[in-house]
Amino acid sequence: MSKIQFINFTANFVVIFRDVVTYALIARIIMSWFSMGRPVQGRISLFLKDATDPILNIAKKLPHKIGMIDLSPLIALIGIDLLSRLVIILLAKI
């Protein structure tokens, strides 16, 4: 595998991983609107909770509330996007 192929593979992996995590966070946000405070039930809900909790826990360490609105998912989405862009820029400079 040449250096260019490795960089392309890694950049594509970062983009796909970012997209999957973004869609998982959006799905969790939408599912939280319908659960209305009830505990998480179902395989898909538990999977989304387990997959997105580490990212949301990092985002919750920052100030993330405006009144009753929790902005930690928005902070997580912005952070994931910025981090993936940074990784791709660093890969391009190799």
C-alpha atoms as a PDB file:
ATOM      1  CA  MET A   1       0.000   0.000   0.000  1.00  0.00           C
ATOM      2  CA  SER A   2       1.498   3.306  -1.031  1.00  0.00           C
ATOM      3  CA  LYS A   3       1.511   6.444   1.063  1.00  0.00           C
ATOM      4  CA  ILE A   4      -1.193   8.109  -1.040  1.00  0.00           C
ATOM      5  CA  GLN A   5      -3.474   5.082  -0.798  1.00  0.00           C
ATOM      6  CA  PHE A   6      -3.023   4.995   2.979  1.00  0.00           C
ATOM      7  CA  ILE A   7      -3.827   8.706   3.297  1.00  0.00           C
ATOM      8  CA  ASN A   8      -6.905   8.333   1.076  1.00  0.00           C
ATOM      9  CA  PHE A   9      -8.077   5.297   3.040  1.00  0.00           C
ATOM     10  CA  THR A  10      -7.604   7.062   6.375  1.00  0.00           C
ATOM     11  CA  ALA A  11      -9.346  10.239   5.181  1.00  0.00           C
ATOM     12  CA  ASN A  12     -12.298   8.225   3.845  1.00  0.00           C
ATOM     13  CA  PHE A  13     -12.473   6.281   7.114  1.00  0.00           C
ATOM     14  CA  VAL A  14     -12.565   9.524   9.123  1.00  0.00           C
ATOM     15  CA  VAL A  15     -15.349  10.945   6.935  1.00  0.00           C
ATOM     16  CA  ILE A  16     -17.451   7.773   7.132  1.00  0.00           C
ATOM     17  CA  PHE A  17     -16.907   7.481  10.898  1.00  0.00           C
ATOM     18  CA  ARG A  18     -17.934  11.141  11.338  1.00  0.00           C
ATOM     19  CA  ASP A  19     -21.083  10.563   9.293  1.00  0.00           C
ATOM     20  CA  VAL A  20     -22.061   7.427  11.234  1.00  0.00           C
ATOM     21  CA  VAL A  21     -21.562   9.149  14.598  1.00  0.00           C
ATOM     22  CA  THR A  22     -23.470  12.217  13.391  1.00  0.00           C
ATOM     23  CA  TYR A  23     -26.419  10.116  12.242  1.00  0.00           C
ATOM     24  CA  ALA A  24     -26.390   8.169  15.516  1.00  0.00           C
ATOM     25  CA  LEU A  25     -26.499  11.409  17.503  1.00  0.00           C
ATOM     26  CA  ILE A  26     -29.326  12.782  15.376  1.00  0.00           C
ATOM     27  CA  ALA A  27     -31.268   9.531  15.768  1.00  0.00           C
ATOM     28  CA  ARG A  28     -30.775   9.658  19.524  1.00  0.00           C
ATOM     29  CA  ILE A  29     -31.973  13.266  19.625  1.00  0.00           C
ATOM     30  CA  ILE A  30     -35.110  12.407  17.653  1.00  0.00           C
ATOM     31  CA  MET A  31     -35.791   9.325  19.780  1.00  0.00           C
ATOM     32  CA  SER A  32     -35.442  11.402  22.957  1.00  0.00           C
ATOM     33  CA  TRP A  33     -38.263  13.638  21.769  1.00  0.00           C
ATOM     34  CA  PHE A  34     -40.605  10.647  21.637  1.00  0.00           C
ATOM     35  CA  SER A  35     -39.511   8.979  24.886  1.00  0.00           C
ATOM     36  CA  MET A  36     -40.513  12.051  26.964  1.00  0.00           C
ATOM     37  CA  GLY A  37     -38.405  11.169  30.006  1.00  0.00           C
ATOM     38  CA  ARG A  38     -39.208   7.476  30.133  1.00  0.00           C
ATOM     39  CA  PRO A  39     -36.283   5.065  30.465  1.00  0.00           C
ATOM     40  CA  VAL A  40     -34.634   3.847  27.272  1.00  0.00           C
ATOM     41  CA  GLN A  41     -36.201   0.653  25.928  1.00  0.00           C
ATOM     42  CA  GLY A  42     -35.596  -1.458  22.859  1.00  0.00           C
ATOM     43  CA  ARG A  43     -32.474  -2.697  21.168  1.00  0.00           C
ATOM     44  CA  ILE A  44     -32.049   0.261  18.842  1.00  0.00           C
ATOM     45  CA  SER A  45     -32.475   2.783  21.654  1.00  0.00           C
ATOM     46  CA  LEU A  46     -29.994   0.946  23.861  1.00  0.00           C
ATOM     47  CA  PHE A  47     -27.502   0.698  21.000  1.00  0.00           C
ATOM     48  CA  LEU A  48     -27.787   4.418  20.259  1.00  0.00           C
ATOM     49  CA  LYS A  49     -27.413   5.235  23.943  1.00  0.00           C
ATOM     50  CA  ASP A  50     -24.323   3.029  24.302  1.00  0.00           C
ATOM     51  CA  ALA A  51     -22.779   4.366  21.087  1.00  0.00           C
ATOM     52  CA  THR A  52     -23.320   8.053  21.776  1.00  0.00           C
ATOM     53  CA  ASP A  53     -22.888   8.294  25.559  1.00  0.00           C
ATOM     54  CA  PRO A  54     -19.072   8.596  25.491  1.00  0.00           C
ATOM     55  CA  ILE A  55     -19.274  11.526  23.085  1.00  0.00           C
ATOM     56  CA  LEU A  56     -22.109  13.233  24.941  1.00  0.00           C
ATOM     57  CA  ASN A  57     -20.357  12.768  28.292  1.00  0.00           C
ATOM     58  CA  ILE A  58     -17.370  14.718  26.951  1.00  0.00           C
ATOM     59  CA  ALA A  59     -19.691  17.453  25.651  1.00  0.00           C
ATOM     60  CA  LYS A  60     -21.498  17.638  29.010  1.00  0.00           C
ATOM     61  CA  LYS A  61     -18.287  18.678  30.746  1.00  0.00           C
ATOM     62  CA  LEU A  62     -18.621  22.064  29.031  1.00  0.00           C
ATOM     63  CA  PRO A  63     -21.361  24.574  29.936  1.00  0.00           C
ATOM     64  CA  HIS A  64     -24.226  23.136  27.942  1.00  0.00           C
ATOM     65  CA  LYS A  65     -27.564  24.347  29.276  1.00  0.00           C
ATOM     66  CA  ILE A  66     -29.678  27.349  28.427  1.00  0.00           C
ATOM     67  CA  GLY A  67     -32.627  27.183  30.760  1.00  0.00           C
ATOM     68  CA  MET A  68     -34.092  23.729  30.235  1.00  0.00           C
ATOM     69  CA  ILE A  69     -32.510  23.236  26.809  1.00  0.00           C
ATOM     70  CA  ASP A  70     -29.576  20.809  26.744  1.00  0.00           C
ATOM     71  CA  LEU A  71     -27.078  21.838  24.072  1.00  0.00           C
ATOM     72  CA  SER A  72     -24.611  18.977  24.625  1.00  0.00           C
ATOM     73  CA  PRO A  73     -25.657  17.146  21.400  1.00  0.00           C
ATOM     74  CA  LEU A  74     -25.037  20.331  19.414  1.00  0.00           C
ATOM     75  CA  ILE A  75     -21.641  20.769  21.085  1.00  0.00           C
ATOM     76  CA  ALA A  76     -20.825  17.137  20.299  1.00  0.00           C
ATOM     77  CA  LEU A  77     -21.815  17.516  16.643  1.00  0.00           C
ATOM     78  CA  ILE A  78     -19.706  20.647  16.247  1.00  0.00           C
ATOM     79  CA  GLY A  79     -16.776  18.989  18.024  1.00  0.00           C
ATOM     80  CA  ILE A  80     -16.941  15.878  15.841  1.00  0.00           C
ATOM     81  CA  ASP A  81     -17.031  17.991  12.698  1.00  0.00           C
ATOM     82  CA  LEU A  82     -14.101  20.160  13.778  1.00  0.00           C
ATOM     83  CA  LEU A  83     -12.046  17.161  14.866  1.00  0.00           C
ATOM     84  CA  SER A  84     -12.629  15.303  11.605  1.00  0.00           C
ATOM     85  CA  ARG A  85     -11.694  18.395   9.579  1.00  0.00           C
ATOM     86  CA  LEU A  86      -8.517  18.783  11.635  1.00  0.00           C
ATOM     87  CA  VAL A  87      -7.537  15.149  11.046  1.00  0.00           C
ATOM     88  CA  ILE A  88      -8.132  15.468   7.289  1.00  0.00           C
ATOM     89  CA  ILE A  89      -6.077  18.683   7.134  1.00  0.00           C
ATOM     90  CA  LEU A  90      -3.252  16.990   9.013  1.00  0.00           C
ATOM     91  CA  LEU A  91      -3.431  14.006   6.664  1.00  0.00           C
ATOM     92  CA  ALA A  92      -3.245  16.304   3.660  1.00  0.00           C
ATOM     93  CA  LYS A  93      -0.042  17.857   4.993  1.00  0.00           C
ATOM     94  CA  ILE A  94       1.742  14.501   5.277  1.00  0.00           C
END
